[in-house]
């Protein structure tokens, strides 16, 4: 029953310790994956809203005017693109 090193893993309740250690490692891996996979901030990032798309969206002229009003494009670019829209 006893060998020169005491009770080994192959005898008695040693197999139970191996199972408990493996289950513990599995739980640690599971918790680590759950914690790293969860989004930290469920709210969308702040910033200007994207212009709507589809049939209910804005016309090219309205988008161009909005971009000019926000300062995304300068006067020269605005005039040049308006000419393109008007077919000049």
PDB file of N, CA and C in Angstrom:
ATOM      1  N   UNK A   1       0.808  -1.183   0.000  1.00  0.00           N
ATOM      2  CA  UNK A   1       0.000   0.000   0.000  1.00  0.00           C
ATOM      3  C   UNK A   1       0.866   1.268   0.000  1.00  0.00           C
ATOM      4  N   UNK A   2       1.790   1.357   0.895  1.00  0.00           N
ATOM      5  CA  UNK A   2       2.692   2.499   0.973  1.00  0.00           C
ATOM      6  C   UNK A   2       4.005   2.115   0.303  1.00  0.00           C
ATOM      7  N   UNK A   3       4.514   3.016  -0.532  1.00  0.00           N
ATOM      8  CA  UNK A   3       5.840   2.759  -1.074  1.00  0.00           C
ATOM      9  C   UNK A   3       6.834   3.657  -0.346  1.00  0.00           C
ATOM     10  N   UNK A   4       8.053   3.729  -0.809  1.00  0.00           N
ATOM     11  CA  UNK A   4       9.075   4.487  -0.089  1.00  0.00           C
ATOM     12  C   UNK A   4       8.849   5.997  -0.115  1.00  0.00           C
ATOM     13  N   UNK A   5       7.988   6.539  -1.032  1.00  0.00           N
ATOM     14  CA  UNK A   5       7.737   7.967  -1.120  1.00  0.00           C
ATOM     15  C   UNK A   5       6.404   8.353  -0.507  1.00  0.00           C
ATOM     16  N   UNK A   6       5.716   7.487   0.092  1.00  0.00           N
ATOM     17  CA  UNK A   6       4.394   7.756   0.615  1.00  0.00           C
ATOM     18  C   UNK A   6       3.357   7.299  -0.399  1.00  0.00           C
ATOM     19  N   UNK A   7       2.150   7.777  -0.256  1.00  0.00           N
ATOM     20  CA  UNK A   7       1.076   7.363  -1.163  1.00  0.00           C
ATOM     21  C   UNK A   7       1.249   8.098  -2.494  1.00  0.00           C
ATOM     22  N   UNK A   8       1.396   7.394  -3.560  1.00  0.00           N
ATOM     23  CA  UNK A   8       1.594   8.005  -4.867  1.00  0.00           C
ATOM     24  C   UNK A   8       0.284   8.367  -5.536  1.00  0.00           C
ATOM     25  N   UNK A   9       0.377   9.026  -6.701  1.00  0.00           N
ATOM     26  CA  UNK A   9      -0.827   9.443  -7.431  1.00  0.00           C
ATOM     27  C   UNK A   9      -1.586   8.248  -7.991  1.00  0.00           C
ATOM     28  N   UNK A  10      -0.936   7.132  -8.169  1.00  0.00           N
ATOM     29  CA  UNK A  10      -1.602   5.973  -8.726  1.00  0.00           C
ATOM     30  C   UNK A  10      -2.373   5.159  -7.705  1.00  0.00           C
ATOM     31  N   UNK A  11      -2.255   5.495  -6.455  1.00  0.00           N
ATOM     32  CA  UNK A  11      -2.905   4.710  -5.419  1.00  0.00           C
ATOM     33  C   UNK A  11      -3.841   5.594  -4.596  1.00  0.00           C
ATOM     34  N   UNK A  12      -4.853   5.027  -4.056  1.00  0.00           N
ATOM     35  CA  UNK A  12      -5.730   5.732  -3.136  1.00  0.00           C
ATOM     36  C   UNK A  12      -6.492   6.873  -3.795  1.00  0.00           C
ATOM     37  N   UNK A  13      -6.456   8.057  -3.162  1.00  0.00           N
ATOM     38  CA  UNK A  13      -7.206   9.214  -3.633  1.00  0.00           C
ATOM     39  C   UNK A  13      -6.383  10.152  -4.525  1.00  0.00           C
ATOM     40  N   UNK A  14      -5.235   9.747  -4.947  1.00  0.00           N
ATOM     41  CA  UNK A  14      -4.374  10.588  -5.783  1.00  0.00           C
ATOM     42  C   UNK A  14      -5.039  10.992  -7.091  1.00  0.00           C
ATOM     43  N   UNK A  15      -5.817  10.119  -7.673  1.00  0.00           N
ATOM     44  CA  UNK A  15      -6.504  10.423  -8.942  1.00  0.00           C
ATOM     45  C   UNK A  15      -7.501  11.559  -8.766  1.00  0.00           C
ATOM     46  N   UNK A  16      -8.065  11.679  -7.536  1.00  0.00           N
ATOM     47  CA  UNK A  16      -9.014  12.757  -7.285  1.00  0.00           C
ATOM     48  C   UNK A  16      -8.331  14.125  -7.354  1.00  0.00           C
ATOM     49  N   UNK A  17      -7.109  14.213  -6.855  1.00  0.00           N
ATOM     50  CA  UNK A  17      -6.378  15.482  -6.919  1.00  0.00           C
ATOM     51  C   UNK A  17      -6.097  15.884  -8.366  1.00  0.00           C
ATOM     52  N   UNK A  18      -5.746  14.937  -9.190  1.00  0.00           N
ATOM     53  CA  UNK A  18      -5.489  15.230 -10.601  1.00  0.00           C
ATOM     54  C   UNK A  18      -6.752  15.767 -11.263  1.00  0.00           C
ATOM     55  N   UNK A  19      -7.883  15.167 -10.992  1.00  0.00           N
ATOM     56  CA  UNK A  19      -9.151  15.630 -11.579  1.00  0.00           C
ATOM     57  C   UNK A  19      -9.486  17.034 -11.082  1.00  0.00           C
ATOM     58  N   UNK A  20      -9.319  17.275  -9.774  1.00  0.00           N
ATOM     59  CA  UNK A  20      -9.604  18.602  -9.223  1.00  0.00           C
ATOM     60  C   UNK A  20      -8.698  19.681  -9.820  1.00  0.00           C
ATOM     61  N   UNK A  21      -7.442  19.361 -10.019  1.00  0.00           N
ATOM     62  CA  UNK A  21      -6.513  20.321 -10.624  1.00  0.00           C
ATOM     63  C   UNK A  21      -6.920  20.615 -12.067  1.00  0.00           C
ATOM     64  N   UNK A  22      -7.270  19.581 -12.822  1.00  0.00           N
ATOM     65  CA  UNK A  22      -7.683  19.789 -14.215  1.00  0.00           C
ATOM     66  C   UNK A  22      -8.977  20.601 -14.302  1.00  0.00           C
ATOM     67  N   UNK A  23      -9.927  20.328 -13.420  1.00  0.00           N
ATOM     68  CA  UNK A  23     -11.182  21.094 -13.403  1.00  0.00           C
ATOM     69  C   UNK A  23     -10.889  22.551 -13.042  1.00  0.00           C
ATOM     70  N   UNK A  24     -10.002  22.770 -12.075  1.00  0.00           N
ATOM     71  CA  UNK A  24      -9.638  24.134 -11.687  1.00  0.00           C
ATOM     72  C   UNK A  24      -8.990  24.903 -12.822  1.00  0.00           C
ATOM     73  N   UNK A  25      -8.092  24.265 -13.548  1.00  0.00           N
ATOM     74  CA  UNK A  25      -7.459  24.912 -14.701  1.00  0.00           C
ATOM     75  C   UNK A  25      -8.494  25.220 -15.776  1.00  0.00           C
ATOM     76  N   UNK A  26      -9.407  24.282 -15.990  1.00  0.00           N
ATOM     77  CA  UNK A  26     -10.471  24.520 -16.973  1.00  0.00           C
ATOM     78  C   UNK A  26     -11.337  25.701 -16.592  1.00  0.00           C
ATOM     79  N   UNK A  27     -11.674  25.812 -15.317  1.00  0.00           N
ATOM     80  CA  UNK A  27     -12.476  26.949 -14.855  1.00  0.00           C
ATOM     81  C   UNK A  27     -11.719  28.270 -15.024  1.00  0.00           C
ATOM     82  N   UNK A  28     -10.442  28.279 -14.720  1.00  0.00           N
ATOM     83  CA  UNK A  28      -9.649  29.498 -14.904  1.00  0.00           C
ATOM     84  C   UNK A  28      -9.612  29.932 -16.372  1.00  0.00           C
ATOM     85  N   UNK A  29      -9.447  28.984 -17.269  1.00  0.00           N
ATOM     86  CA  UNK A  29      -9.445  29.295 -18.702  1.00  0.00           C
ATOM     87  C   UNK A  29     -10.807  29.828 -19.129  1.00  0.00           C
ATOM     88  N   UNK A  30     -11.877  29.195 -18.650  1.00  0.00           N
ATOM     89  CA  UNK A  30     -13.234  29.638 -18.993  1.00  0.00           C
ATOM     90  C   UNK A  30     -13.488  31.066 -18.514  1.00  0.00           C
ATOM     91  N   UNK A  31     -13.116  31.362 -17.282  1.00  0.00           N
ATOM     92  CA  UNK A  31     -13.329  32.708 -16.729  1.00  0.00           C
ATOM     93  C   UNK A  31     -12.490  33.729 -17.496  1.00  0.00           C
ATOM     94  N   UNK A  32     -11.252  33.381 -17.819  1.00  0.00           N
ATOM     95  CA  UNK A  32     -10.396  34.309 -18.562  1.00  0.00           C
ATOM     96  C   UNK A  32     -10.980  34.621 -19.934  1.00  0.00           C
ATOM     97  N   UNK A  33     -11.504  33.623 -20.608  1.00  0.00           N
ATOM     98  CA  UNK A  33     -12.100  33.842 -21.927  1.00  0.00           C
ATOM     99  C   UNK A  33     -13.348  34.691 -21.812  1.00  0.00           C
ATOM    100  N   UNK A  34     -14.180  34.437 -20.815  1.00  0.00           N
ATOM    101  CA  UNK A  34     -15.413  35.221 -20.629  1.00  0.00           C
ATOM    102  C   UNK A  34     -15.097  36.685 -20.317  1.00  0.00           C
ATOM    103  N   UNK A  35     -14.084  36.926 -19.507  1.00  0.00           N
ATOM    104  CA  UNK A  35     -13.753  38.303 -19.129  1.00  0.00           C
ATOM    105  C   UNK A  35     -13.126  39.080 -20.280  1.00  0.00           C
ATOM    106  N   UNK A  36     -12.318  38.441 -21.095  1.00  0.00           N
ATOM    107  CA  UNK A  36     -11.675  39.151 -22.198  1.00  0.00           C
ATOM    108  C   UNK A  36     -12.598  39.297 -23.400  1.00  0.00           C
ATOM    109  N   UNK A  37     -13.623  38.458 -23.529  1.00  0.00           N
ATOM    110  CA  UNK A  37     -14.519  38.524 -24.677  1.00  0.00           C
ATOM    111  C   UNK A  37     -15.665  39.502 -24.503  1.00  0.00           C
ATOM    112  N   UNK A  38     -15.883  40.001 -23.294  1.00  0.00           N
ATOM    113  CA  UNK A  38     -17.013  40.888 -23.025  1.00  0.00           C
ATOM    114  C   UNK A  38     -16.653  42.326 -23.399  1.00  0.00           C
ATOM    115  N   UNK A  39     -17.532  43.027 -24.124  1.00  0.00           N
ATOM    116  CA  UNK A  39     -17.240  44.432 -24.431  1.00  0.00           C
ATOM    117  C   UNK A  39     -17.266  45.256 -23.156  1.00  0.00           C
ATOM    118  N   UNK A  40     -16.325  46.171 -23.033  1.00  0.00           N
ATOM    119  CA  UNK A  40     -16.208  46.975 -21.822  1.00  0.00           C
ATOM    120  C   UNK A  40     -17.205  48.124 -21.803  1.00  0.00           C
ATOM    121  N   UNK A  41     -17.519  48.695 -22.975  1.00  0.00           N
ATOM    122  CA  UNK A  41     -18.439  49.829 -23.042  1.00  0.00           C
ATOM    123  C   UNK A  41     -19.534  49.489 -24.050  1.00  0.00           C
ATOM    124  N   UNK A  42     -20.742  49.149 -23.602  1.00  0.00           N
ATOM    125  CA  UNK A  42     -21.786  48.757 -24.539  1.00  0.00           C
ATOM    126  C   UNK A  42     -22.356  49.922 -25.348  1.00  0.00           C
ATOM    127  N   UNK A  43     -22.044  51.173 -24.986  1.00  0.00           N
ATOM    128  CA  UNK A  43     -22.576  52.321 -25.717  1.00  0.00           C
ATOM    129  C   UNK A  43     -21.752  52.540 -26.980  1.00  0.00           C
ATOM    130  N   UNK A  44     -22.389  53.009 -28.056  1.00  0.00           N
ATOM    131  CA  UNK A  44     -21.641  53.281 -29.285  1.00  0.00           C
ATOM    132  C   UNK A  44     -20.701  54.462 -29.070  1.00  0.00           C
ATOM    133  N   UNK A  45     -19.618  54.536 -29.834  1.00  0.00           N
ATOM    134  CA  UNK A  45     -18.678  55.648 -29.676  1.00  0.00           C
ATOM    135  C   UNK A  45     -19.328  56.978 -30.049  1.00  0.00           C
ATOM    136  N   UNK A  46     -18.928  58.019 -29.333  1.00  0.00           N
ATOM    137  CA  UNK A  46     -19.473  59.348 -29.600  1.00  0.00           C
ATOM    138  C   UNK A  46     -18.853  59.904 -30.879  1.00  0.00           C
ATOM    139  N   UNK A  47     -19.590  60.668 -31.583  1.00  0.00           N
ATOM    140  CA  UNK A  47     -19.105  61.271 -32.817  1.00  0.00           C
ATOM    141  C   UNK A  47     -20.276  61.711 -33.659  1.00  0.00           C
ATOM    142  N   UNK A  48     -19.983  62.319 -34.801  1.00  0.00           N
ATOM    143  CA  UNK A  48     -21.088  62.760 -35.660  1.00  0.00           C
ATOM    144  C   UNK A  48     -21.836  61.565 -36.227  1.00  0.00           C
ATOM    145  N   UNK A  49     -23.139  61.652 -36.292  1.00  0.00           N
ATOM    146  CA  UNK A  49     -23.902  60.534 -36.847  1.00  0.00           C
ATOM    147  C   UNK A  49     -23.664  60.396 -38.345  1.00  0.00           C
ATOM    148  N   UNK A  50     -23.715  59.184 -38.804  1.00  0.00           N
ATOM    149  CA  UNK A  50     -23.538  58.926 -40.230  1.00  0.00           C
ATOM    150  C   UNK A  50     -24.779  59.403 -40.983  1.00  0.00           C
ATOM    151  N   UNK A  51     -24.587  59.934 -42.188  1.00  0.00           N
ATOM    152  CA  UNK A  51     -25.756  60.371 -42.954  1.00  0.00           C
ATOM    153  C   UNK A  51     -26.619  59.175 -43.326  1.00  0.00           C
ATOM    154  N   UNK A  52     -27.921  59.350 -43.386  1.00  0.00           N
ATOM    155  CA  UNK A  52     -28.795  58.238 -43.727  1.00  0.00           C
ATOM    156  C   UNK A  52     -28.577  57.789 -45.168  1.00  0.00           C
ATOM    157  N   UNK A  53     -28.856  56.528 -45.409  1.00  0.00           N
ATOM    158  CA  UNK A  53     -28.700  55.985 -46.751  1.00  0.00           C
ATOM    159  C   UNK A  53     -30.018  55.416 -47.224  1.00  0.00           C
ATOM    160  N   UNK A  54     -30.069  55.054 -48.479  1.00  0.00           N
ATOM    161  CA  UNK A  54     -31.274  54.448 -49.026  1.00  0.00           C
ATOM    162  C   UNK A  54     -32.186  55.486 -49.664  1.00  0.00           C
ATOM    163  N   UNK A  55     -33.420  55.084 -49.968  1.00  0.00           N
ATOM    164  CA  UNK A  55     -34.355  55.972 -50.658  1.00  0.00           C
ATOM    165  C   UNK A  55     -34.782  57.141 -49.781  1.00  0.00           C
ATOM    166  N   UNK A  56     -34.763  56.963 -48.461  1.00  0.00           N
ATOM    167  CA  UNK A  56     -35.144  58.051 -47.562  1.00  0.00           C
ATOM    168  C   UNK A  56     -33.950  58.933 -47.237  1.00  0.00           C
ATOM    169  N   UNK A  57     -32.800  58.690 -47.873  1.00  0.00           N
ATOM    170  CA  UNK A  57     -31.584  59.443 -47.596  1.00  0.00           C
ATOM    171  C   UNK A  57     -31.610  60.832 -48.211  1.00  0.00           C
ATOM    172  N   UNK A  58     -30.530  61.541 -47.973  1.00  0.00           N
ATOM    173  CA  UNK A  58     -30.401  62.896 -48.476  1.00  0.00           C
ATOM    174  C   UNK A  58     -29.904  62.886 -49.911  1.00  0.00           C
ATOM    175  N   UNK A  59     -30.203  63.961 -50.628  1.00  0.00           N
ATOM    176  CA  UNK A  59     -29.698  64.083 -51.991  1.00  0.00           C
ATOM    177  C   UNK A  59     -28.221  64.475 -51.939  1.00  0.00           C
ATOM    178  N   UNK A  60     -27.556  64.346 -53.073  1.00  0.00           N
ATOM    179  CA  UNK A  60     -26.138  64.694 -53.147  1.00  0.00           C
ATOM    180  C   UNK A  60     -25.942  66.175 -52.829  1.00  0.00           C
ATOM    181  N   UNK A  61     -26.851  67.006 -53.262  1.00  0.00           N
ATOM    182  CA  UNK A  61     -26.747  68.444 -52.998  1.00  0.00           C
ATOM    183  C   UNK A  61     -26.869  68.721 -51.489  1.00  0.00           C
ATOM    184  N   UNK A  62     -27.793  68.047 -50.816  1.00  0.00           N
ATOM    185  CA  UNK A  62     -27.967  68.258 -49.380  1.00  0.00           C
ATOM    186  C   UNK A  62     -26.730  67.789 -48.601  1.00  0.00           C
ATOM    187  N   UNK A  63     -26.172  66.674 -49.019  1.00  0.00           N
ATOM    188  CA  UNK A  63     -24.967  66.178 -48.362  1.00  0.00           C
ATOM    189  C   UNK A  63     -23.818  67.149 -48.568  1.00  0.00           C
ATOM    190  N   UNK A  64     -23.679  67.651 -49.779  1.00  0.00           N
ATOM    191  CA  UNK A  64     -22.623  68.617 -50.076  1.00  0.00           C
ATOM    192  C   UNK A  64     -22.803  69.886 -49.245  1.00  0.00           C
ATOM    193  N   UNK A  65     -24.017  70.368 -49.126  1.00  0.00           N
ATOM    194  CA  UNK A  65     -24.275  71.561 -48.319  1.00  0.00           C
ATOM    195  C   UNK A  65     -23.983  71.315 -46.843  1.00  0.00           C
ATOM    196  N   UNK A  66     -24.318  70.133 -46.360  1.00  0.00           N
ATOM    197  CA  UNK A  66     -24.034  69.810 -44.959  1.00  0.00           C
ATOM    198  C   UNK A  66     -22.534  69.732 -44.705  1.00  0.00           C
ATOM    199  N   UNK A  67     -21.802  69.137 -45.619  1.00  0.00           N
ATOM    200  CA  UNK A  67     -20.349  69.050 -45.463  1.00  0.00           C
ATOM    201  C   UNK A  67     -19.708  70.433 -45.492  1.00  0.00           C
ATOM    202  N   UNK A  68     -20.215  71.303 -46.331  1.00  0.00           N
ATOM    203  CA  UNK A  68     -19.701  72.671 -46.403  1.00  0.00           C
ATOM    204  C   UNK A  68     -20.028  73.419 -45.103  1.00  0.00           C
ATOM    205  N   UNK A  69     -21.236  73.222 -44.580  1.00  0.00           N
ATOM    206  CA  UNK A  69     -21.635  73.899 -43.343  1.00  0.00           C
ATOM    207  C   UNK A  69     -20.807  73.411 -42.148  1.00  0.00           C
ATOM    208  N   UNK A  70     -20.424  72.148 -42.141  1.00  0.00           N
ATOM    209  CA  UNK A  70     -19.615  71.618 -41.044  1.00  0.00           C
ATOM    210  C   UNK A  70     -18.146  71.982 -41.194  1.00  0.00           C
ATOM    211  N   UNK A  71     -17.757  72.513 -42.342  1.00  0.00           N
ATOM    212  CA  UNK A  71     -16.365  72.896 -42.560  1.00  0.00           C
ATOM    213  C   UNK A  71     -15.489  71.761 -43.049  1.00  0.00           C
ATOM    214  N   UNK A  72     -16.094  70.684 -43.540  1.00  0.00           N
ATOM    215  CA  UNK A  72     -15.309  69.553 -44.039  1.00  0.00           C
ATOM    216  C   UNK A  72     -14.667  69.874 -45.386  1.00  0.00           C
ATOM    217  N   UNK A  73     -15.298  70.740 -46.148  1.00  0.00           N
ATOM    218  CA  UNK A  73     -14.746  71.153 -47.444  1.00  0.00           C
ATOM    219  C   UNK A  73     -14.719  72.669 -47.478  1.00  0.00           C
ATOM    220  N   UNK A  74     -13.788  73.219 -48.292  1.00  0.00           N
ATOM    221  CA  UNK A  74     -13.698  74.677 -48.388  1.00  0.00           C
ATOM    222  C   UNK A  74     -14.591  75.193 -49.519  1.00  0.00           C
ATOM    223  N   UNK A  75     -14.603  76.511 -49.691  1.00  0.00           N
ATOM    224  CA  UNK A  75     -15.499  77.147 -50.658  1.00  0.00           C
ATOM    225  C   UNK A  75     -15.178  76.713 -52.082  1.00  0.00           C
ATOM    226  N   UNK A  76     -13.892  76.666 -52.412  1.00  0.00           N
ATOM    227  CA  UNK A  76     -13.511  76.281 -53.781  1.00  0.00           C
ATOM    228  C   UNK A  76     -14.004  74.871 -54.118  1.00  0.00           C
ATOM    229  N   UNK A  77     -13.814  73.938 -53.195  1.00  0.00           N
ATOM    230  CA  UNK A  77     -14.258  72.570 -53.454  1.00  0.00           C
ATOM    231  C   UNK A  77     -15.783  72.501 -53.536  1.00  0.00           C
ATOM    232  N   UNK A  78     -16.462  73.275 -52.673  1.00  0.00           N
ATOM    233  CA  UNK A  78     -17.923  73.300 -52.704  1.00  0.00           C
ATOM    234  C   UNK A  78     -18.427  73.781 -54.053  1.00  0.00           C
ATOM    235  N   UNK A  79     -17.865  74.896 -54.542  1.00  0.00           N
ATOM    236  CA  UNK A  79     -18.301  75.462 -55.824  1.00  0.00           C
ATOM    237  C   UNK A  79     -18.017  74.480 -56.947  1.00  0.00           C
ATOM    238  N   UNK A  80     -16.823  73.860 -56.923  1.00  0.00           N
ATOM    239  CA  UNK A  80     -16.456  72.913 -57.978  1.00  0.00           C
ATOM    240  C   UNK A  80     -17.425  71.708 -57.994  1.00  0.00           C
ATOM    241  N   UNK A  81     -17.751  71.190 -56.844  1.00  0.00           N
ATOM    242  CA  UNK A  81     -18.651  70.033 -56.797  1.00  0.00           C
ATOM    243  C   UNK A  81     -20.086  70.416 -57.151  1.00  0.00           C
ATOM    244  N   UNK A  82     -20.501  71.633 -56.808  1.00  0.00           N
ATOM    245  CA  UNK A  82     -21.842  72.076 -57.205  1.00  0.00           C
ATOM    246  C   UNK A  82     -21.935  72.197 -58.716  1.00  0.00           C
ATOM    247  N   UNK A  83     -20.849  72.662 -59.337  1.00  0.00           N
ATOM    248  CA  UNK A  83     -20.844  72.733 -60.800  1.00  0.00           C
ATOM    249  C   UNK A  83     -20.972  71.333 -61.403  1.00  0.00           C
ATOM    250  N   UNK A  84     -20.295  70.370 -60.779  1.00  0.00           N
ATOM    251  CA  UNK A  84     -20.385  68.991 -61.248  1.00  0.00           C
ATOM    252  C   UNK A  84     -21.802  68.443 -61.108  1.00  0.00           C
ATOM    253  N   UNK A  85     -22.472  68.790 -60.036  1.00  0.00           N
ATOM    254  CA  UNK A  85     -23.843  68.337 -59.844  1.00  0.00           C
ATOM    255  C   UNK A  85     -24.815  69.004 -60.826  1.00  0.00           C
ATOM    256  N   UNK A  86     -24.530  70.268 -61.147  1.00  0.00           N
ATOM    257  CA  UNK A  86     -25.404  71.001 -62.076  1.00  0.00           C
ATOM    258  C   UNK A  86     -25.103  70.658 -63.525  1.00  0.00           C
ATOM    259  N   UNK A  87     -24.033  69.931 -63.768  1.00  0.00           N
ATOM    260  CA  UNK A  87     -23.717  69.518 -65.133  1.00  0.00           C
ATOM    261  C   UNK A  87     -22.979  70.588 -65.921  1.00  0.00           C
ATOM    262  N   UNK A  88     -22.321  71.474 -65.257  1.00  0.00           N
ATOM    263  CA  UNK A  88     -21.573  72.534 -65.960  1.00  0.00           C
ATOM    264  C   UNK A  88     -20.168  72.136 -66.250  1.00  0.00           C
TER     265      UNK A  88
END
